[in-house]
Each structure stands twice: as structure tokens, then as C-alpha cells.
Protein backbone atom coordinates (compact mmCIF):
# COMPACT_ATOMS: atom_id res chain seq x y z
CA MET A 1 -146.11 11.80 158.25
CA SER A 2 -144.41 10.38 155.19
CA THR A 3 -141.19 11.99 153.79
CA ILE A 4 -139.31 11.27 150.61
CA ALA A 5 -136.25 12.70 148.93
CA VAL A 6 -135.69 12.53 145.15
CA VAL A 7 -132.23 12.38 144.11
CA GLY A 8 -131.55 12.98 140.52
CA ASN A 9 -127.81 12.78 140.15
CA PRO A 10 -125.87 10.58 137.83
CA LYS A 11 -123.83 9.81 140.73
CA PRO A 12 -124.81 7.66 143.07
CA ARG A 13 -124.67 8.43 146.78
CA SER A 14 -123.97 11.70 145.67
CA ARG A 15 -123.22 15.01 147.62
CA THR A 16 -126.57 16.01 146.26
CA ARG A 17 -128.16 12.93 147.87
CA ALA A 18 -126.55 13.18 151.43
CA ALA A 19 -127.58 17.35 151.04
CA ALA A 20 -131.47 16.14 150.35
CA GLU A 21 -131.66 13.47 153.24
CA LEU A 22 -130.08 16.57 155.51
CA VAL A 23 -133.12 19.10 154.03
CA VAL A 24 -135.49 16.43 154.97
CA GLU A 25 -134.16 15.87 158.22
CA ARG A 26 -133.75 19.62 159.18
CA LEU A 27 -137.34 20.23 158.01
CA THR A 28 -139.11 17.32 159.69
CA GLY A 29 -136.88 16.42 162.27
CA ALA A 30 -136.34 12.89 161.18
CA PRO A 31 -134.64 11.50 158.05
CA PRO A 32 -136.62 10.79 155.01
CA ASP A 33 -139.07 7.48 155.12
CA ARG A 34 -137.94 7.05 151.53
CA VAL A 35 -134.76 7.88 149.29
CA VAL A 36 -134.94 7.48 145.77
CA ASP A 37 -131.45 7.93 144.06
CA VAL A 38 -132.73 7.94 140.26
CA VAL A 39 -129.88 6.93 138.89
CA ASP A 40 -130.44 3.37 140.55
CA LEU A 41 -133.47 3.38 138.48
CA GLY A 42 -131.53 2.82 135.25
CA ALA A 43 -132.84 1.93 132.16
CA GLY A 44 -136.29 1.29 133.17
CA LEU A 45 -136.45 5.24 132.97
CA LEU A 46 -136.53 4.91 129.32
CA GLY A 47 -140.05 3.72 129.05
CA TRP A 48 -142.94 3.22 130.55
CA GLY A 49 -144.19 0.48 132.93
CA ASP A 50 -140.88 -0.54 134.85
CA PRO A 51 -142.19 -1.78 138.13
CA ALA A 52 -139.14 -0.23 139.86
CA VAL A 53 -140.00 3.16 138.42
CA ALA A 54 -143.69 2.81 139.00
CA ASP A 55 -142.97 1.97 142.94
CA ALA A 56 -140.62 4.85 142.90
CA VAL A 57 -143.30 7.32 141.47
CA GLY A 58 -146.16 6.03 143.87
CA ALA A 59 -143.58 6.55 146.29
CA LEU A 60 -143.22 10.35 145.84
CA ARG A 61 -147.13 10.46 145.24
CA GLU A 62 -147.98 8.99 148.46
CA ALA A 63 -145.37 11.32 150.34
CA GLU A 64 -146.68 14.44 152.36
CA VAL A 65 -143.12 16.00 152.14
CA ALA A 66 -140.57 15.53 149.12
CA VAL A 67 -137.19 17.27 148.70
CA VAL A 68 -136.77 16.90 144.88
CA ALA A 69 -132.73 17.50 144.37
CA SER A 70 -130.42 17.80 141.43
CA PRO A 71 -126.89 19.27 140.69
CA THR A 72 -126.61 22.20 138.51
CA TYR A 73 -125.84 20.63 134.76
CA LYS A 74 -125.99 23.22 132.01
CA ALA A 75 -127.65 25.82 134.08
CA THR A 76 -130.63 23.64 135.22
CA TYR A 77 -131.80 20.32 136.43
CA THR A 78 -130.29 17.06 134.81
CA GLY A 79 -132.00 14.91 132.51
CA LEU A 80 -131.78 12.11 134.80
CA LEU A 81 -134.23 13.87 137.04
CA LYS A 82 -136.53 14.91 134.27
CA LEU A 83 -136.55 11.50 132.89
CA PHE A 84 -138.22 10.30 136.41
CA LEU A 85 -140.60 13.34 136.19
CA ASP A 86 -141.73 12.46 133.20
CA GLN A 87 -143.24 9.42 134.88
CA VAL A 88 -145.31 11.58 136.89
CA GLY A 89 -148.49 12.65 135.73
CA THR A 90 -149.85 16.28 135.68
CA GLY A 91 -151.71 16.50 138.84
CA ASP A 92 -150.62 13.65 140.47
CA LEU A 93 -148.64 15.47 143.27
CA VAL A 94 -151.60 16.94 144.74
CA GLY A 95 -151.10 17.21 148.33
CA VAL A 96 -147.47 16.43 148.06
CA VAL A 97 -145.62 19.82 149.86
CA ALA A 98 -142.57 19.81 147.92
CA VAL A 99 -139.02 21.66 148.14
CA PRO A 100 -136.84 22.01 144.86
CA LEU A 101 -133.25 21.66 146.00
CA MET A 102 -130.17 22.23 143.56
CA LEU A 103 -126.34 21.88 144.26
CA GLY A 104 -124.05 24.21 142.26
CA ALA A 105 -120.66 24.95 141.54
CA GLY A 106 -121.03 28.88 142.01
CA PRO A 107 -123.67 31.58 142.86
CA GLY A 108 -124.27 31.96 139.31
CA HIS A 109 -127.24 29.74 139.26
CA ALA A 110 -128.75 30.29 142.65
CA MET A 111 -132.46 31.32 141.40
CA ALA A 112 -131.89 27.69 139.23
CA PRO A 113 -134.43 26.03 141.44
CA ASP A 114 -137.04 28.66 141.71
CA LEU A 115 -137.11 29.04 138.05
CA LEU A 116 -136.39 25.84 136.45
CA LEU A 117 -137.46 22.98 138.83
CA LYS A 118 -140.28 24.79 141.14
CA PRO A 119 -142.38 25.12 137.63
CA VAL A 120 -142.00 21.51 137.13
CA LEU A 121 -142.97 20.59 140.55
CA VAL A 122 -146.10 22.82 140.55
CA GLU A 123 -147.29 21.22 137.17
CA LEU A 124 -147.18 17.98 138.36
CA GLY A 125 -149.45 19.09 141.29
CA ALA A 126 -147.39 19.80 144.44
CA THR A 127 -147.61 22.58 146.64
CA THR A 128 -144.18 24.59 146.84
CA PRO A 129 -144.72 27.23 149.89
CA THR A 130 -141.22 28.46 149.86
CA ARG A 131 -138.62 29.38 147.56
CA GLY A 132 -136.37 26.43 146.64
CA LEU A 133 -132.63 25.87 147.88
CA TYR A 134 -129.78 26.33 146.17
CA LEU A 135 -126.35 25.00 147.76
CA LEU A 136 -123.07 25.82 146.76
CA ASP A 137 -121.73 22.04 146.42
CA LYS A 138 -118.41 22.24 148.00
CA ALA A 139 -119.79 23.62 151.13
CA TRP A 140 -123.63 22.26 150.97
CA ASP A 141 -123.40 20.79 154.57
CA SER A 142 -121.82 24.28 156.00
CA PRO A 143 -124.29 25.57 158.51
CA GLY A 144 -124.78 28.94 157.01
CA ALA A 145 -126.90 28.97 153.75
CA LEU A 146 -129.08 25.97 155.27
CA ASP A 147 -130.07 27.91 158.30
CA ASP A 148 -130.87 30.96 157.03
CA TRP A 149 -132.99 29.17 154.62
CA LEU A 150 -135.02 26.90 157.45
CA VAL A 151 -135.69 30.23 159.32
CA ALA A 152 -138.45 30.85 156.71
CA ALA A 153 -138.73 27.75 154.98
CA GLY A 154 -139.64 25.77 158.39
CA PRO A 155 -142.74 27.43 159.21
CA GLN A 156 -143.71 27.62 155.54
CA VAL A 157 -143.65 23.79 154.99
CA ALA A 158 -145.07 23.28 158.39
CA ALA A 159 -147.87 24.99 157.74
CA ALA A 160 -148.58 24.01 153.95
CA ARG A 161 -148.63 20.48 155.55
CA ARG A 162 -151.33 21.46 157.91
CA ARG A 163 -153.73 22.73 155.42
CA PRO A 164 -156.32 20.12 153.68
CA SER A 165 -155.51 19.50 149.73
């Protein structure tokens, strides 16, 4: 199985990245095979044809399970993540089981992963078999919210991975 964490935080090696890696590991039993910290792609995101961006997009297309993560900025996911996802063609993620993950300062935006990030992943062709995950950024690594989410999400992701695309 191939797994990836795609992180759209403007801060390198962020809590968002750590949370995305933890979610992949808890869902699959192993750390992600690849982590794309989108901020590392830099100005290559602003045009088309950058080799590093193409490689990262290719890794996302080839993954069986992808956790796509962003902090909550202005009540939505970051523009940085948007720039990356704009490089992925409509339908290119067929066969990828994707989990939208967002971190935020308070519970007011708890529906953001489902209302804002999940529709984009579906438009790109990904299967999103579970509700998105929203974690408070000050307590993202506390067991409660993640453990509760995994009770339902773990079996849903596992079942979706077994279905033929």
C-alpha cells in the first residue's frame, strides 16, 4: 500500500504536518511513504510544468491513501494548498482514498474539512469514505478526538481501499 500526507501549511514542518503524519500512521499502521510539505515546492506552484511539483502531484495520484491537511485560514484551507490542488486534474485521483484534515484554533470551523476540502478532493476523483477530521491545533495530539474519529473512520477507509476503482 502506498500512502501520502499532503500538507498545505505555509510554515515548514508544522503541527499540521505532524498531525497528518500521525493520522496516516493511525489509519494504516505505518508512517506515510511520502510527505509533501507543499511550502517546500515554492514558486514552482505558480506556473505549470515545474518538475518538483509534477513529481509531488504524481505521488499523490499514485497513492492508495492520502491525508490532505491544512490549517484553517480565513475559515477555509490555505491558498498554498489550493495552488497545489490546482495542479491536479479533474478525475486524476480516481483510486485514491483521501481524508481531509484541518487544524484550527477553536471549534467554530469544525465542519470546514467536510464543507470546503472534501468537495475539492471528490472533484479531483478521490474517494472520501469518512467524514473529514478537524483537530484543535493546540491539542491535535491529544488522544480524544483522533481516537473517537478513528473508531468510525478506520473501518471505512479500510473498506474503501479494498474496493476496486
